[in-house]
Amino acid sequence: MPIAHTLAGARSLIADFARWQLSEAMVCAGAVPVLISAGDRDAMVPVAEITKLFSALGPKLGAVAILPGTPHALQHLALECFAHLVRCFLVSAPGKGRHK
């Protein structure tokens, strides 16, 4: 796939995301446990926004993970560390077992 096509697709995705930004109200409206994660070096989503969203969810539905030394880009994610966090969350998810 040519790089120009890839860049055009990325621009389109970003433009679409800007139109339907995930709001605090949208996340809180759900009734399923949510793991919110971000990197401590994320320039797009500040840690303060992540902790605000976590506070809005409350402990019954939310868990938060701040990944050390991690920027926004997924290609810089320490995959094993993140996979471990997700596995731990799934095992001990807030509210797990409430909806049998």
PDB file of N, CA and C in Angstrom:
ATOM      1  N   MET A   1       0.843  -1.175   0.000  1.00  0.00           N
ATOM      2  CA  MET A   1       0.000   0.000   0.000  1.00  0.00           C
ATOM      3  C   MET A   1       0.894   1.245   0.000  1.00  0.00           C
ATOM      4  N   PRO A   2       0.681   2.158  -0.927  1.00  0.00           N
ATOM      5  CA  PRO A   2       1.515   3.367  -0.987  1.00  0.00           C
ATOM      6  C   PRO A   2       1.369   4.215   0.275  1.00  0.00           C
ATOM      7  N   ILE A   3       2.447   4.882   0.662  1.00  0.00           N
ATOM      8  CA  ILE A   3       2.454   5.694   1.874  1.00  0.00           C
ATOM      9  C   ILE A   3       1.411   6.806   1.808  1.00  0.00           C
ATOM     10  N   ALA A   4       1.193   7.392   0.635  1.00  0.00           N
ATOM     11  CA  ALA A   4       0.200   8.470   0.495  1.00  0.00           C
ATOM     12  C   ALA A   4      -1.191   7.949   0.842  1.00  0.00           C
ATOM     13  N   HIS A   5      -1.489   6.728   0.430  1.00  0.00           N
ATOM     14  CA  HIS A   5      -2.789   6.131   0.739  1.00  0.00           C
ATOM     15  C   HIS A   5      -2.924   5.881   2.245  1.00  0.00           C
ATOM     16  N   THR A   6      -1.854   5.405   2.864  1.00  0.00           N
ATOM     17  CA  THR A   6      -1.852   5.149   4.304  1.00  0.00           C
ATOM     18  C   THR A   6      -2.046   6.455   5.074  1.00  0.00           C
ATOM     19  N   LEU A   7      -1.338   7.501   4.664  1.00  0.00           N
ATOM     20  CA  LEU A   7      -1.477   8.800   5.329  1.00  0.00           C
ATOM     21  C   LEU A   7      -2.876   9.376   5.157  1.00  0.00           C
ATOM     22  N   ALA A   8      -3.440   9.209   3.980  1.00  0.00           N
ATOM     23  CA  ALA A   8      -4.805   9.697   3.738  1.00  0.00           C
ATOM     24  C   ALA A   8      -5.788   8.950   4.638  1.00  0.00           C
ATOM     25  N   GLY A   9      -5.588   7.663   4.793  1.00  0.00           N
ATOM     26  CA  GLY A   9      -6.447   6.878   5.683  1.00  0.00           C
ATOM     27  C   GLY A   9      -6.312   7.321   7.123  1.00  0.00           C
ATOM     28  N   ALA A  10      -5.094   7.590   7.551  1.00  0.00           N
ATOM     29  CA  ALA A  10      -4.863   8.058   8.924  1.00  0.00           C
ATOM     30  C   ALA A  10      -5.519   9.413   9.148  1.00  0.00           C
ATOM     31  N   ARG A  11      -5.386  10.325   8.180  1.00  0.00           N
ATOM     32  CA  ARG A  11      -6.032  11.641   8.299  1.00  0.00           C
ATOM     33  C   ARG A  11      -7.538  11.491   8.407  1.00  0.00           C
ATOM     34  N   SER A  12      -8.108  10.626   7.604  1.00  0.00           N
ATOM     35  CA  SER A  12      -9.556  10.394   7.624  1.00  0.00           C
ATOM     36  C   SER A  12      -9.996   9.848   8.974  1.00  0.00           C
ATOM     37  N   LEU A  13      -9.238   8.906   9.506  1.00  0.00           N
ATOM     38  CA  LEU A  13      -9.563   8.322  10.807  1.00  0.00           C
ATOM     39  C   LEU A  13      -9.536   9.387  11.901  1.00  0.00           C
ATOM     40  N   ILE A  14      -8.509  10.234  11.886  1.00  0.00           N
ATOM     41  CA  ILE A  14      -8.406  11.298  12.888  1.00  0.00           C
ATOM     42  C   ILE A  14      -9.563  12.283  12.747  1.00  0.00           C
ATOM     43  N   ALA A  15      -9.919  12.642  11.523  1.00  0.00           N
ATOM     44  CA  ALA A  15     -11.040  13.568  11.301  1.00  0.00           C
ATOM     45  C   ALA A  15     -12.344  12.955  11.802  1.00  0.00           C
ATOM     46  N   ASP A  16     -12.567  11.669  11.525  1.00  0.00           N
ATOM     47  CA  ASP A  16     -13.778  10.997  12.013  1.00  0.00           C
ATOM     48  C   ASP A  16     -13.813  10.967  13.532  1.00  0.00           C
ATOM     49  N   PHE A  17     -12.679  10.670  14.147  1.00  0.00           N
ATOM     50  CA  PHE A  17     -12.621  10.602  15.601  1.00  0.00           C
ATOM     51  C   PHE A  17     -12.958  11.954  16.221  1.00  0.00           C
ATOM     52  N   ALA A  18     -12.498  13.034  15.595  1.00  0.00           N
ATOM     53  CA  ALA A  18     -12.775  14.384  16.109  1.00  0.00           C
ATOM     54  C   ALA A  18     -14.276  14.665  16.116  1.00  0.00           C
ATOM     55  N   ARG A  19     -15.006  14.092  15.184  1.00  0.00           N
ATOM     56  CA  ARG A  19     -16.463  14.324  15.113  1.00  0.00           C
ATOM     57  C   ARG A  19     -17.231  13.558  16.187  1.00  0.00           C
ATOM     58  N   TRP A  20     -16.766  12.389  16.577  1.00  0.00           N
ATOM     59  CA  TRP A  20     -17.524  11.579  17.542  1.00  0.00           C
ATOM     60  C   TRP A  20     -16.702  11.286  18.788  1.00  0.00           C
ATOM     61  N   GLN A  21     -15.990  12.285  19.261  1.00  0.00           N
ATOM     62  CA  GLN A  21     -15.125  12.083  20.417  1.00  0.00           C
ATOM     63  C   GLN A  21     -15.854  11.381  21.553  1.00  0.00           C
ATOM     64  N   LEU A  22     -15.172  10.438  22.122  1.00  0.00           N
ATOM     65  CA  LEU A  22     -15.687   9.687  23.251  1.00  0.00           C
ATOM     66  C   LEU A  22     -15.756  10.619  24.445  1.00  0.00           C
ATOM     67  N   SER A  23     -16.943  10.820  24.962  1.00  0.00           N
ATOM     68  CA  SER A  23     -17.106  11.739  26.084  1.00  0.00           C
ATOM     69  C   SER A  23     -17.179  10.971  27.397  1.00  0.00           C
ATOM     70  N   GLU A  24     -16.996  11.714  28.471  1.00  0.00           N
ATOM     71  CA  GLU A  24     -17.111  11.148  29.812  1.00  0.00           C
ATOM     72  C   GLU A  24     -18.503  10.541  30.000  1.00  0.00           C
ATOM     73  N   ALA A  25     -19.523  11.255  29.545  1.00  0.00           N
ATOM     74  CA  ALA A  25     -20.902  10.772  29.678  1.00  0.00           C
ATOM     75  C   ALA A  25     -21.112   9.461  28.918  1.00  0.00           C
ATOM     76  N   MET A  26     -20.514   9.344  27.735  1.00  0.00           N
ATOM     77  CA  MET A  26     -20.655   8.114  26.947  1.00  0.00           C
ATOM     78  C   MET A  26     -20.031   6.929  27.675  1.00  0.00           C
ATOM     79  N   VAL A  27     -18.856   7.134  28.234  1.00  0.00           N
ATOM     80  CA  VAL A  27     -18.171   6.049  28.941  1.00  0.00           C
ATOM     81  C   VAL A  27     -18.949   5.673  30.196  1.00  0.00           C
ATOM     82  N   CYS A  28     -19.424   6.659  30.929  1.00  0.00           N
ATOM     83  CA  CYS A  28     -20.139   6.400  32.184  1.00  0.00           C
ATOM     84  C   CYS A  28     -21.514   5.785  31.963  1.00  0.00           C
ATOM     85  N   ALA A  29     -22.070   5.934  30.761  1.00  0.00           N
ATOM     86  CA  ALA A  29     -23.389   5.382  30.470  1.00  0.00           C
ATOM     87  C   ALA A  29     -23.359   3.857  30.372  1.00  0.00           C
ATOM     88  N   GLY A  30     -22.210   3.299  30.096  1.00  0.00           N
ATOM     89  CA  GLY A  30     -22.093   1.848  29.989  1.00  0.00           C
ATOM     90  C   GLY A  30     -22.129   1.191  31.352  1.00  0.00           C
ATOM     91  N   ALA A  31     -22.448  -0.073  31.363  1.00  0.00           N
ATOM     92  CA  ALA A  31     -22.532  -0.802  32.628  1.00  0.00           C
ATOM     93  C   ALA A  31     -21.554  -1.972  32.664  1.00  0.00           C
ATOM     94  N   VAL A  32     -20.465  -1.828  31.939  1.00  0.00           N
ATOM     95  CA  VAL A  32     -19.453  -2.877  31.913  1.00  0.00           C
ATOM     96  C   VAL A  32     -18.148  -2.330  32.471  1.00  0.00           C
ATOM     97  N   PRO A  33     -17.347  -3.160  33.093  1.00  0.00           N
ATOM     98  CA  PRO A  33     -16.058  -2.709  33.607  1.00  0.00           C
ATOM     99  C   PRO A  33     -15.168  -2.181  32.483  1.00  0.00           C
ATOM    100  N   VAL A  34     -14.444  -1.115  32.775  1.00  0.00           N
ATOM    101  CA  VAL A  34     -13.592  -0.464  31.780  1.00  0.00           C
ATOM    102  C   VAL A  34     -12.186  -0.296  32.355  1.00  0.00           C
ATOM    103  N   LEU A  35     -11.194  -0.701  31.590  1.00  0.00           N
ATOM    104  CA  LEU A  35      -9.800  -0.439  31.936  1.00  0.00           C
ATOM    105  C   LEU A  35      -9.358   0.744  31.091  1.00  0.00           C
ATOM    106  N   ILE A  36      -9.033   1.839  31.745  1.00  0.00           N
ATOM    107  CA  ILE A  36      -8.560   3.028  31.057  1.00  0.00           C
ATOM    108  C   ILE A  36      -7.046   3.029  31.190  1.00  0.00           C
ATOM    109  N   SER A  37      -6.352   3.186  30.070  1.00  0.00           N
ATOM    110  CA  SER A  37      -4.896   3.194  30.153  1.00  0.00           C
ATOM    111  C   SER A  37      -4.323   4.310  29.296  1.00  0.00           C
ATOM    112  N   ALA A  38      -3.170   4.764  29.704  1.00  0.00           N
ATOM    113  CA  ALA A  38      -2.441   5.787  28.954  1.00  0.00           C
ATOM    114  C   ALA A  38      -0.986   5.708  29.343  1.00  0.00           C
ATOM    115  N   GLY A  39      -0.166   6.285  28.512  1.00  0.00           N
ATOM    116  CA  GLY A  39       1.256   6.364  28.818  1.00  0.00           C
ATOM    117  C   GLY A  39       1.557   7.624  29.606  1.00  0.00           C
ATOM    118  N   ASP A  40       2.541   7.551  30.470  1.00  0.00           N
ATOM    119  CA  ASP A  40       2.907   8.727  31.265  1.00  0.00           C
ATOM    120  C   ASP A  40       3.575   9.805  30.416  1.00  0.00           C
ATOM    121  N   ARG A  41       3.935   9.464  29.183  1.00  0.00           N
ATOM    122  CA  ARG A  41       4.547  10.440  28.262  1.00  0.00           C
ATOM    123  C   ARG A  41       3.644  10.727  27.071  1.00  0.00           C
ATOM    124  N   ASP A  42       2.354  10.495  27.237  1.00  0.00           N
ATOM    125  CA  ASP A  42       1.383  10.721  26.174  1.00  0.00           C
ATOM    126  C   ASP A  42       1.147  12.219  25.993  1.00  0.00           C
ATOM    127  N   ALA A  43       1.462  12.739  24.813  1.00  0.00           N
ATOM    128  CA  ALA A  43       1.281  14.164  24.533  1.00  0.00           C
ATOM    129  C   ALA A  43      -0.136  14.464  24.049  1.00  0.00           C
ATOM    130  N   MET A  44      -0.911  13.439  23.663  1.00  0.00           N
ATOM    131  CA  MET A  44      -2.265  13.666  23.153  1.00  0.00           C
ATOM    132  C   MET A  44      -3.325  13.563  24.240  1.00  0.00           C
ATOM    133  N   VAL A  45      -3.140  12.644  25.174  1.00  0.00           N
ATOM    134  CA  VAL A  45      -4.122  12.436  26.244  1.00  0.00           C
ATOM    135  C   VAL A  45      -3.388  12.576  27.577  1.00  0.00           C
ATOM    136  N   PRO A  46      -3.528  13.722  28.223  1.00  0.00           N
ATOM    137  CA  PRO A  46      -2.824  13.930  29.496  1.00  0.00           C
ATOM    138  C   PRO A  46      -3.311  12.984  30.591  1.00  0.00           C
ATOM    139  N   VAL A  47      -2.411  12.620  31.480  1.00  0.00           N
ATOM    140  CA  VAL A  47      -2.758  11.742  32.600  1.00  0.00           C
ATOM    141  C   VAL A  47      -3.909  12.340  33.405  1.00  0.00           C
ATOM    142  N   ALA A  48      -3.979  13.659  33.509  1.00  0.00           N
ATOM    143  CA  ALA A  48      -5.069  14.312  34.251  1.00  0.00           C
ATOM    144  C   ALA A  48      -6.431  13.963  33.659  1.00  0.00           C
ATOM    145  N   GLU A  49      -6.528  13.854  32.326  1.00  0.00           N
ATOM    146  CA  GLU A  49      -7.801  13.469  31.692  1.00  0.00           C
ATOM    147  C   GLU A  49      -8.153  12.025  32.016  1.00  0.00           C
ATOM    148  N   ILE A  50      -7.148  11.169  32.023  1.00  0.00           N
ATOM    149  CA  ILE A  50      -7.369   9.753  32.319  1.00  0.00           C
ATOM    150  C   ILE A  50      -7.867   9.592  33.760  1.00  0.00           C
ATOM    151  N   THR A  51      -7.238  10.272  34.692  1.00  0.00           N
ATOM    152  CA  THR A  51      -7.652  10.145  36.092  1.00  0.00           C
ATOM    153  C   THR A  51      -9.022  10.777  36.327  1.00  0.00           C
ATOM    154  N   LYS A  52      -9.352  11.836  35.591  1.00  0.00           N
ATOM    155  CA  LYS A  52     -10.686  12.448  35.699  1.00  0.00           C
ATOM    156  C   LYS A  52     -11.759  11.461  35.225  1.00  0.00           C
ATOM    157  N   LEU A  53     -11.506  10.800  34.107  1.00  0.00           N
ATOM    158  CA  LEU A  53     -12.448   9.808  33.593  1.00  0.00           C
ATOM    159  C   LEU A  53     -12.586   8.643  34.567  1.00  0.00           C
ATOM    160  N   PHE A  54     -11.466   8.188  35.115  1.00  0.00           N
ATOM    161  CA  PHE A  54     -11.500   7.108  36.095  1.00  0.00           C
ATOM    162  C   PHE A  54     -12.333   7.510  37.311  1.00  0.00           C
ATOM    163  N   SER A  55     -12.157   8.725  37.785  1.00  0.00           N
ATOM    164  CA  SER A  55     -12.928   9.212  38.937  1.00  0.00           C
ATOM    165  C   SER A  55     -14.420   9.249  38.625  1.00  0.00           C
ATOM    166  N   ALA A  56     -14.760   9.617  37.403  1.00  0.00           N
ATOM    167  CA  ALA A  56     -16.166   9.675  37.002  1.00  0.00           C
ATOM    168  C   ALA A  56     -16.791   8.276  36.965  1.00  0.00           C
ATOM    169  N   LEU A  57     -16.015   7.286  36.554  1.00  0.00           N
ATOM    170  CA  LEU A  57     -16.522   5.914  36.486  1.00  0.00           C
ATOM    171  C   LEU A  57     -16.746   5.335  37.878  1.00  0.00           C
ATOM    172  N   GLY A  58     -15.849   5.652  38.770  1.00  0.00           N
ATOM    173  CA  GLY A  58     -15.948   5.094  40.113  1.00  0.00           C
ATOM    174  C   GLY A  58     -15.385   3.692  40.169  1.00  0.00           C
ATOM    175  N   PRO A  59     -15.149   3.194  41.369  1.00  0.00           N
ATOM    176  CA  PRO A  59     -14.485   1.896  41.532  1.00  0.00           C
ATOM    177  C   PRO A  59     -15.323   0.695  41.094  1.00  0.00           C
ATOM    178  N   LYS A  60     -16.647   0.852  40.966  1.00  0.00           N
ATOM    179  CA  LYS A  60     -17.466  -0.293  40.552  1.00  0.00           C
ATOM    180  C   LYS A  60     -17.264  -0.638  39.088  1.00  0.00           C
ATOM    181  N   LEU A  61     -16.939   0.359  38.267  1.00  0.00           N
ATOM    182  CA  LEU A  61     -16.816   0.097  36.829  1.00  0.00           C
ATOM    183  C   LEU A  61     -15.459   0.427  36.236  1.00  0.00           C
ATOM    184  N   GLY A  62     -14.580   1.027  36.997  1.00  0.00           N
ATOM    185  CA  GLY A  62     -13.349   1.476  36.383  1.00  0.00           C
ATOM    186  C   GLY A  62     -12.079   1.002  37.037  1.00  0.00           C
ATOM    187  N   ALA A  63     -11.075   0.888  36.200  1.00  0.00           N
ATOM    188  CA  ALA A  63      -9.705   0.640  36.643  1.00  0.00           C
ATOM    189  C   ALA A  63      -8.825   1.483  35.736  1.00  0.00           C
ATOM    190  N   VAL A  64      -7.696   1.912  36.260  1.00  0.00           N
ATOM    191  CA  VAL A  64      -6.807   2.756  35.469  1.00  0.00           C
ATOM    192  C   VAL A  64      -5.387   2.195  35.509  1.00  0.00           C
ATOM    193  N   ALA A  65      -4.696   2.334  34.383  1.00  0.00           N
ATOM    194  CA  ALA A  65      -3.293   1.916  34.295  1.00  0.00           C
ATOM    195  C   ALA A  65      -2.527   3.024  33.585  1.00  0.00           C
ATOM    196  N   ILE A  66      -1.526   3.552  34.254  1.00  0.00           N
ATOM    197  CA  ILE A  66      -0.638   4.531  33.639  1.00  0.00           C
ATOM    198  C   ILE A  66       0.673   3.796  33.342  1.00  0.00           C
ATOM    199  N   LEU A  67       0.996   3.682  32.079  1.00  0.00           N
ATOM    200  CA  LEU A  67       2.150   2.904  31.639  1.00  0.00           C
ATOM    201  C   LEU A  67       3.411   3.766  31.636  1.00  0.00           C
ATOM    202  N   PRO A  68       4.444   3.360  32.370  1.00  0.00           N
ATOM    203  CA  PRO A  68       5.663   4.163  32.472  1.00  0.00           C
ATOM    204  C   PRO A  68       6.450   4.198  31.159  1.00  0.00           C
ATOM    205  N   GLY A  69       7.028   5.360  30.892  1.00  0.00           N
ATOM    206  CA  GLY A  69       7.890   5.501  29.723  1.00  0.00           C
ATOM    207  C   GLY A  69       7.186   5.285  28.397  1.00  0.00           C
ATOM    208  N   THR A  70       5.877   5.559  28.347  1.00  0.00           N
ATOM    209  CA  THR A  70       5.093   5.240  27.158  1.00  0.00           C
ATOM    210  C   THR A  70       4.438   6.479  26.569  1.00  0.00           C
ATOM    211  N   PRO A  71       4.720   6.776  25.286  1.00  0.00           N
ATOM    212  CA  PRO A  71       4.036   7.869  24.609  1.00  0.00           C
ATOM    213  C   PRO A  71       2.688   7.384  24.056  1.00  0.00           C
ATOM    214  N   HIS A  72       2.018   8.218  23.300  1.00  0.00           N
ATOM    215  CA  HIS A  72       0.693   7.873  22.768  1.00  0.00           C
ATOM    216  C   HIS A  72       0.751   6.754  21.725  1.00  0.00           C
ATOM    217  N   ALA A  73       1.747   6.784  20.890  1.00  0.00           N
ATOM    218  CA  ALA A  73       1.794   5.844  19.764  1.00  0.00           C
ATOM    219  C   ALA A  73       1.858   4.390  20.228  1.00  0.00           C
ATOM    220  N   LEU A  74       0.976   3.566  19.693  1.00  0.00           N
ATOM    221  CA  LEU A  74       0.904   2.154  20.094  1.00  0.00           C
ATOM    222  C   LEU A  74       2.165   1.375  19.765  1.00  0.00           C
ATOM    223  N   GLN A  75       2.890   1.794  18.741  1.00  0.00           N
ATOM    224  CA  GLN A  75       4.094   1.040  18.377  1.00  0.00           C
ATOM    225  C   GLN A  75       5.171   1.134  19.446  1.00  0.00           C
ATOM    226  N   HIS A  76       5.006   2.046  20.404  1.00  0.00           N
ATOM    227  CA  HIS A  76       5.974   2.176  21.487  1.00  0.00           C
ATOM    228  C   HIS A  76       5.498   1.495  22.772  1.00  0.00           C
ATOM    229  N   LEU A  77       4.377   0.838  22.711  1.00  0.00           N
ATOM    230  CA  LEU A  77       3.796   0.175  23.875  1.00  0.00           C
ATOM    231  C   LEU A  77       4.608  -1.059  24.251  1.00  0.00           C
ATOM    232  N   ALA A  78       4.895  -1.203  25.527  1.00  0.00           N
ATOM    233  CA  ALA A  78       5.555  -2.417  26.023  1.00  0.00           C
ATOM    234  C   ALA A  78       4.472  -3.497  26.073  1.00  0.00           C
ATOM    235  N   LEU A  79       4.390  -4.260  25.011  1.00  0.00           N
ATOM    236  CA  LEU A  79       3.277  -5.188  24.811  1.00  0.00           C
ATOM    237  C   LEU A  79       3.103  -6.192  25.944  1.00  0.00           C
ATOM    238  N   GLU A  80       4.184  -6.775  26.428  1.00  0.00           N
ATOM    239  CA  GLU A  80       4.065  -7.762  27.508  1.00  0.00           C
ATOM    240  C   GLU A  80       3.519  -7.127  28.785  1.00  0.00           C
ATOM    241  N   CYS A  81       3.975  -5.939  29.088  1.00  0.00           N
ATOM    242  CA  CYS A  81       3.485  -5.215  30.267  1.00  0.00           C
ATOM    243  C   CYS A  81       1.991  -4.935  30.126  1.00  0.00           C
ATOM    244  N   PHE A  82       1.591  -4.441  28.947  1.00  0.00           N
ATOM    245  CA  PHE A  82       0.185  -4.123  28.720  1.00  0.00           C
ATOM    246  C   PHE A  82      -0.672  -5.387  28.752  1.00  0.00           C
ATOM    247  N   ALA A  83      -0.197  -6.458  28.138  1.00  0.00           N
ATOM    248  CA  ALA A  83      -0.945  -7.721  28.134  1.00  0.00           C
ATOM    249  C   ALA A  83      -1.145  -8.219  29.563  1.00  0.00           C
ATOM    250  N   HIS A  84      -0.122  -8.083  30.401  1.00  0.00           N
ATOM    251  CA  HIS A  84      -0.234  -8.489  31.803  1.00  0.00           C
ATOM    252  C   HIS A  84      -1.302  -7.653  32.521  1.00  0.00           C
ATOM    253  N   LEU A  85      -1.303  -6.353  32.288  1.00  0.00           N
ATOM    254  CA  LEU A  85      -2.311  -5.480  32.903  1.00  0.00           C
ATOM    255  C   LEU A  85      -3.725  -5.874  32.477  1.00  0.00           C
ATOM    256  N   VAL A  86      -3.888  -6.160  31.199  1.00  0.00           N
ATOM    257  CA  VAL A  86      -5.212  -6.543  30.696  1.00  0.00           C
ATOM    258  C   VAL A  86      -5.647  -7.868  31.300  1.00  0.00           C
ATOM    259  N   ARG A  87      -4.744  -8.839  31.370  1.00  0.00           N
ATOM    260  CA  ARG A  87      -5.099 -10.132  31.975  1.00  0.00           C
ATOM    261  C   ARG A  87      -5.500  -9.954  33.439  1.00  0.00           C
ATOM    262  N   CYS A  88      -4.751  -9.162  34.172  1.00  0.00           N
ATOM    263  CA  CYS A  88      -5.090  -8.907  35.582  1.00  0.00           C
ATOM    264  C   CYS A  88      -6.447  -8.227  35.699  1.00  0.00           C
ATOM    265  N   PHE A  89      -6.704  -7.275  34.815  1.00  0.00           N
ATOM    266  CA  PHE A  89      -7.997  -6.586  34.829  1.00  0.00           C
ATOM    267  C   PHE A  89      -9.135  -7.560  34.559  1.00  0.00           C
ATOM    268  N   LEU A  90      -8.965  -8.417  33.573  1.00  0.00           N
ATOM    269  CA  LEU A  90     -10.033  -9.355  33.231  1.00  0.00           C
ATOM    270  C   LEU A  90     -10.337 -10.327  34.367  1.00  0.00           C
ATOM    271  N   VAL A  91      -9.313 -10.709  35.104  1.00  0.00           N
ATOM    272  CA  VAL A  91      -9.496 -11.635  36.225  1.00  0.00           C
ATOM    273  C   VAL A  91     -10.169 -10.947  37.404  1.00  0.00           C
ATOM    274  N   SER A  92      -9.802  -9.698  37.640  1.00  0.00           N
ATOM    275  CA  SER A  92     -10.319  -9.011  38.827  1.00  0.00           C
ATOM    276  C   SER A  92     -11.129  -7.764  38.481  1.00  0.00           C
ATOM    277  N   ALA A  93     -11.751  -7.757  37.332  1.00  0.00           N
ATOM    278  CA  ALA A  93     -12.499  -6.578  36.857  1.00  0.00           C
ATOM    279  C   ALA A  93     -13.517  -6.131  37.899  1.00  0.00           C
ATOM    280  N   PRO A  94     -13.573  -4.814  38.118  1.00  0.00           N
ATOM    281  CA  PRO A  94     -14.587  -4.295  39.042  1.00  0.00           C
ATOM    282  C   PRO A  94     -15.970  -4.747  38.596  1.00  0.00           C
ATOM    283  N   GLY A  95     -16.758  -5.262  39.511  1.00  0.00           N
ATOM    284  CA  GLY A  95     -18.108  -5.702  39.185  1.00  0.00           C
ATOM    285  C   GLY A  95     -18.177  -7.059  38.514  1.00  0.00           C
ATOM    286  N   LYS A  96     -17.033  -7.749  38.397  1.00  0.00           N
ATOM    287  CA  LYS A  96     -17.022  -9.051  37.727  1.00  0.00           C
ATOM    288  C   LYS A  96     -17.969 -10.005  38.448  1.00  0.00           C
ATOM    289  N   GLY A  97     -18.761 -10.699  37.661  1.00  0.00           N
ATOM    290  CA  GLY A  97     -19.678 -11.675  38.237  1.00  0.00           C
ATOM    291  C   GLY A  97     -21.040 -11.110  38.595  1.00  0.00           C
ATOM    292  N   ARG A  98     -21.234  -9.799  38.419  1.00  0.00           N
ATOM    293  CA  ARG A  98     -22.534  -9.214  38.759  1.00  0.00           C
ATOM    294  C   ARG A  98     -23.607  -9.600  37.773  1.00  0.00           C
ATOM    295  N   HIS A  99     -23.228  -9.797  36.506  1.00  0.00           N
ATOM    296  CA  HIS A  99     -24.208 -10.043  35.451  1.00  0.00           C
ATOM    297  C   HIS A  99     -24.097 -11.470  34.942  1.00  0.00           C
ATOM    298  N   LYS A 100     -24.549 -12.420  35.725  1.00  0.00           N
ATOM    299  CA  LYS A 100     -24.450 -13.824  35.309  1.00  0.00           C
ATOM    300  C   LYS A 100     -25.655 -14.242  34.525  1.00  0.00           C
TER     301      LYS A 100
END
